[in-house]
Structures are given as C-alpha cells and as structure tokens.
Amino acid sequence: MSYITTFTGRHFDPFNPSPELICLEDIAHALSMTCRANGHTRIFYSVAQHSISCCKEAQLRGLSSRVQLGCLLHDASEAYLSDIPRPIKSQLPEYIKAENQLQDMIWSLFFKVPLNKNEIEVIFEIDNAVLSYEFLHLMPESLSDDHRKIVSEIIPDYEQSSAVKQEFLYLAEITGKCLSKEDTAL
C-alpha cells in the first residue's frame, strides 16, 4: 500500500501528494490527535494546540491575516507525514524534501498569492518562540530565551482533541475570511 487513509476516508500518498485530496478537516483532526515532542511532554499537548498558539501569537502581535493563517498551517504537512522531532528530522533528508514539498502544496491551496520570504520568516520565528515556551512549561528544560518574545497567554494544558480540532477549524475559517479573495482559496 502506498497511501494512508485519512480521517475523511481519502487515500493520500504523502510522497506523491495530490492537492485535491488535501482536506482541512483531515489536517485539523490528525494534528489534534498528534502529541508534540514525540509524546515526551508532561501532559498530552497536540500539534494542533501548538499551531493554534502560534496563530494566536501572530494575532496578538497585530500581524496580517496571512501570517496568522500561515502560523496555523505551518505544521499541516505533519497531518500526512507525522511529527518527527527536529534532531531526528535533521538526519532524514528525503523526509525533509517530502515535508517541504507537501507543506508548499498545502500553503499554495490556501494562499493564491504565495507567502513571501518575510512572512515565512515571521511564521517560523513565532514557531520557535512558541516551541521555547512549550519546552519551558511542558518539558524538564529550557531550549532558549525565545520564550521571552511571547506576547500572548499560552496555556499549555491538556484539552480534548475534539475541542482542539473545532478551534483549529474555527480559526482557519475566521482567519481565512479576513483575507482578500485574491489571497486565499478557503
């Protein structure tokens, strides 16, 4: 078998992806069921919760709806490829290639005008700051001082995956509606 069966029943080949099979509900569902840090957190804390925290951080910084939606979707490829911790991922060049290809495809579905270099840099700066904050509160160590850049109130606590999925979908909907019709395909 060269595909995964998604929550909505699609047969998706992550290494030969078809854009028409990418589904926001599949992304929200899978990410809400996937634990950060390979499950080595004090409590279950999902990739979707992390993505929601990144989106809210972008909102409170007053950043554009494009950056907010980009933050929400920055790990969307992991819904199809899985979340692999950075030290392992760095040793898997073929995985990184597949992840980048799929992530670019996902972003192109939601943004008719591609995210520019500056927007992507801000998205991943927020990702790193939220990661630093999460490690400080969910793990037994501090990664960096990036957590000091956080302006939002992140509450790294256990939440039911169904509630997280609904919040993810809601944020995608309201953030997508804020974008001009030329910028998004939501």
Foldseek 3Di string as FASTA:
>chain_A
DQFDQFPVGDTARLQDGDLVRDDLLRLLLLQLVAAPPNPQWPDGFGNQLLLQLLLVQCVVVVHALLLSLCSNCVQSSCSGVNDDDPVVVVVPVSSVVSSVVVSQSVQVQFFVPHDDPVSVVSSVLSSVLSVQVCCVPTHPDGDDPSVVVGPDDRDRDDDPSVVSSVVSVVSNVVSSVRDDPNTTND
